[in-house]
Amino acid sequence: MFSATVEYALRAMVVLADNNGTPRTAVQIAEISQVPADYLLKVMQPLTRARLVVGQRGKHGGFTLAK
């Protein structure tokens, strides 16, 4: 049994894996994975620090898998 945070992180990673390297915004990931957007942003921070996810700011920014 996983905690809600771990489940949300796994859902976000699956959404990014299905995206073929195209950046997705946090709102898009939240909608697809059915995770509250505010909570998703908090989940994405440790994934970024662990270098599993790359975040890019700006007009064409978003999150992608690191590898």
N, C-alpha and C. Protein backbone atom coordinates (compact mmCIF):
# COMPACT_ATOMS: atom_id res chain seq x y z
N MET A 1 0.84 -1.18 0.00
CA MET A 1 0.00 0.00 0.00
C MET A 1 0.88 1.25 0.00
N PHE A 2 0.61 2.14 -0.91
CA PHE A 2 1.38 3.38 -1.02
C PHE A 2 0.63 4.53 -0.36
N SER A 3 1.38 5.52 0.08
CA SER A 3 0.75 6.74 0.58
C SER A 3 0.19 7.51 -0.60
N ALA A 4 -0.67 8.46 -0.33
CA ALA A 4 -1.26 9.28 -1.39
C ALA A 4 -0.19 10.04 -2.15
N THR A 5 0.82 10.52 -1.45
CA THR A 5 1.89 11.27 -2.09
C THR A 5 2.65 10.41 -3.09
N VAL A 6 2.97 9.18 -2.70
CA VAL A 6 3.69 8.28 -3.60
C VAL A 6 2.82 7.93 -4.80
N GLU A 7 1.55 7.68 -4.56
CA GLU A 7 0.64 7.37 -5.67
C GLU A 7 0.54 8.52 -6.65
N TYR A 8 0.44 9.75 -6.14
CA TYR A 8 0.36 10.92 -7.01
C TYR A 8 1.66 11.09 -7.80
N ALA A 9 2.80 10.83 -7.17
CA ALA A 9 4.08 10.94 -7.87
C ALA A 9 4.16 9.91 -8.99
N LEU A 10 3.71 8.70 -8.71
CA LEU A 10 3.71 7.66 -9.74
C LEU A 10 2.78 8.01 -10.89
N ARG A 11 1.62 8.55 -10.56
CA ARG A 11 0.69 8.96 -11.62
C ARG A 11 1.32 10.03 -12.51
N ALA A 12 1.99 11.01 -11.89
CA ALA A 12 2.62 12.09 -12.66
C ALA A 12 3.73 11.53 -13.55
N MET A 13 4.51 10.60 -13.03
CA MET A 13 5.59 10.00 -13.82
C MET A 13 5.02 9.22 -15.01
N VAL A 14 3.91 8.53 -14.82
CA VAL A 14 3.29 7.78 -15.92
C VAL A 14 2.79 8.74 -16.99
N VAL A 15 2.18 9.84 -16.59
CA VAL A 15 1.71 10.84 -17.56
C VAL A 15 2.88 11.37 -18.38
N LEU A 16 3.99 11.67 -17.71
CA LEU A 16 5.15 12.19 -18.42
C LEU A 16 5.78 11.12 -19.33
N ALA A 17 5.75 9.88 -18.91
CA ALA A 17 6.31 8.80 -19.72
C ALA A 17 5.49 8.58 -20.99
N ASP A 18 4.20 8.80 -20.91
CA ASP A 18 3.33 8.63 -22.08
C ASP A 18 3.39 9.82 -23.04
N ASN A 19 4.16 10.83 -22.70
CA ASN A 19 4.14 12.08 -23.45
C ASN A 19 5.26 12.22 -24.47
N ASN A 20 6.15 11.25 -24.60
CA ASN A 20 7.21 11.26 -25.61
C ASN A 20 8.12 12.49 -25.55
N GLY A 21 8.41 12.98 -24.37
CA GLY A 21 9.36 14.08 -24.22
C GLY A 21 8.81 15.47 -24.42
N THR A 22 7.54 15.61 -24.74
CA THR A 22 6.93 16.93 -24.87
C THR A 22 6.60 17.46 -23.48
N PRO A 23 7.01 18.68 -23.16
CA PRO A 23 6.72 19.21 -21.83
C PRO A 23 5.23 19.33 -21.56
N ARG A 24 4.85 19.03 -20.34
CA ARG A 24 3.47 19.18 -19.86
C ARG A 24 3.48 20.13 -18.67
N THR A 25 2.51 21.02 -18.63
CA THR A 25 2.40 21.91 -17.48
C THR A 25 1.83 21.14 -16.30
N ALA A 26 1.98 21.71 -15.12
CA ALA A 26 1.47 21.07 -13.91
C ALA A 26 -0.05 20.93 -13.98
N VAL A 27 -0.72 21.90 -14.57
CA VAL A 27 -2.17 21.84 -14.70
C VAL A 27 -2.57 20.69 -15.62
N GLN A 28 -1.87 20.53 -16.73
CA GLN A 28 -2.16 19.42 -17.64
C GLN A 28 -1.94 18.08 -16.97
N ILE A 29 -0.82 17.94 -16.25
CA ILE A 29 -0.53 16.69 -15.55
C ILE A 29 -1.61 16.41 -14.51
N ALA A 30 -2.02 17.45 -13.78
CA ALA A 30 -3.04 17.29 -12.74
C ALA A 30 -4.37 16.83 -13.34
N GLU A 31 -4.75 17.40 -14.46
CA GLU A 31 -6.02 17.02 -15.10
C GLU A 31 -5.98 15.57 -15.58
N ILE A 32 -4.90 15.19 -16.22
CA ILE A 32 -4.79 13.84 -16.77
C ILE A 32 -4.72 12.81 -15.65
N SER A 33 -3.93 13.10 -14.62
CA SER A 33 -3.73 12.12 -13.54
C SER A 33 -4.77 12.22 -12.44
N GLN A 34 -5.67 13.18 -12.53
CA GLN A 34 -6.74 13.39 -11.55
C GLN A 34 -6.17 13.62 -10.15
N VAL A 35 -5.20 14.52 -10.08
CA VAL A 35 -4.56 14.92 -8.84
C VAL A 35 -4.81 16.41 -8.67
N PRO A 36 -5.11 16.87 -7.44
CA PRO A 36 -5.26 18.32 -7.24
C PRO A 36 -3.99 19.07 -7.66
N ALA A 37 -4.16 20.13 -8.43
CA ALA A 37 -3.03 20.86 -9.01
C ALA A 37 -2.08 21.41 -7.94
N ASP A 38 -2.61 21.96 -6.87
CA ASP A 38 -1.75 22.51 -5.81
C ASP A 38 -0.89 21.42 -5.18
N TYR A 39 -1.49 20.27 -4.96
CA TYR A 39 -0.76 19.16 -4.36
C TYR A 39 0.26 18.59 -5.33
N LEU A 40 -0.08 18.57 -6.60
CA LEU A 40 0.83 18.05 -7.61
C LEU A 40 2.12 18.87 -7.65
N LEU A 41 2.01 20.17 -7.53
CA LEU A 41 3.21 21.01 -7.53
C LEU A 41 4.13 20.65 -6.37
N LYS A 42 3.57 20.34 -5.22
CA LYS A 42 4.38 19.93 -4.07
C LYS A 42 5.00 18.56 -4.30
N VAL A 43 4.33 17.71 -5.03
CA VAL A 43 4.85 16.38 -5.34
C VAL A 43 5.99 16.47 -6.37
N MET A 44 5.88 17.40 -7.29
CA MET A 44 6.87 17.53 -8.35
C MET A 44 8.21 18.06 -7.84
N GLN A 45 8.20 18.81 -6.76
CA GLN A 45 9.45 19.38 -6.23
C GLN A 45 10.48 18.31 -5.86
N PRO A 46 10.11 17.30 -5.06
CA PRO A 46 11.12 16.27 -4.76
C PRO A 46 11.53 15.44 -5.98
N LEU A 47 10.61 15.27 -6.93
CA LEU A 47 10.97 14.55 -8.14
C LEU A 47 12.00 15.33 -8.95
N THR A 48 11.88 16.65 -8.94
CA THR A 48 12.84 17.50 -9.64
C THR A 48 14.18 17.48 -8.91
N ARG A 49 14.15 17.57 -7.57
CA ARG A 49 15.39 17.54 -6.80
C ARG A 49 16.12 16.20 -6.95
N ALA A 50 15.37 15.12 -7.11
CA ALA A 50 15.96 13.79 -7.30
C ALA A 50 16.41 13.56 -8.74
N ARG A 51 16.21 14.56 -9.59
CA ARG A 51 16.60 14.54 -11.00
C ARG A 51 15.89 13.45 -11.79
N LEU A 52 14.67 13.14 -11.39
CA LEU A 52 13.83 12.23 -12.16
C LEU A 52 13.00 12.99 -13.18
N VAL A 53 12.74 14.26 -12.85
CA VAL A 53 11.92 15.13 -13.69
C VAL A 53 12.68 16.43 -13.90
N VAL A 54 12.54 16.99 -15.08
CA VAL A 54 13.15 18.29 -15.40
C VAL A 54 12.03 19.30 -15.57
N GLY A 55 12.14 20.41 -14.86
CA GLY A 55 11.17 21.49 -14.99
C GLY A 55 11.78 22.66 -15.72
N GLN A 56 11.02 23.22 -16.66
CA GLN A 56 11.50 24.37 -17.41
C GLN A 56 10.44 25.46 -17.37
N ARG A 57 10.86 26.65 -17.04
CA ARG A 57 9.94 27.78 -16.98
C ARG A 57 9.81 28.42 -18.35
N GLY A 58 8.77 29.22 -18.48
CA GLY A 58 8.61 30.00 -19.70
C GLY A 58 7.43 29.56 -20.53
N LYS A 59 7.31 30.22 -21.67
CA LYS A 59 6.17 30.01 -22.55
C LYS A 59 6.06 28.56 -23.02
N HIS A 60 7.15 27.94 -23.35
CA HIS A 60 7.15 26.56 -23.83
C HIS A 60 7.67 25.61 -22.74
N GLY A 61 7.52 26.01 -21.50
CA GLY A 61 8.03 25.22 -20.39
C GLY A 61 7.07 24.14 -19.94
N GLY A 62 7.47 23.47 -18.90
CA GLY A 62 6.68 22.40 -18.32
C GLY A 62 7.60 21.35 -17.74
N PHE A 63 7.07 20.19 -17.49
CA PHE A 63 7.84 19.10 -16.91
C PHE A 63 8.02 18.00 -17.95
N THR A 64 9.22 17.39 -17.94
CA THR A 64 9.51 16.21 -18.75
C THR A 64 10.30 15.24 -17.88
N LEU A 65 10.36 13.99 -18.30
CA LEU A 65 11.21 13.03 -17.62
C LEU A 65 12.66 13.36 -17.89
N ALA A 66 13.51 13.14 -16.92
CA ALA A 66 14.93 13.47 -17.08
C ALA A 66 15.59 12.55 -18.09
N LYS A 67 15.19 11.28 -18.12
CA LYS A 67 15.81 10.33 -19.06
C LYS A 67 14.73 9.51 -19.71
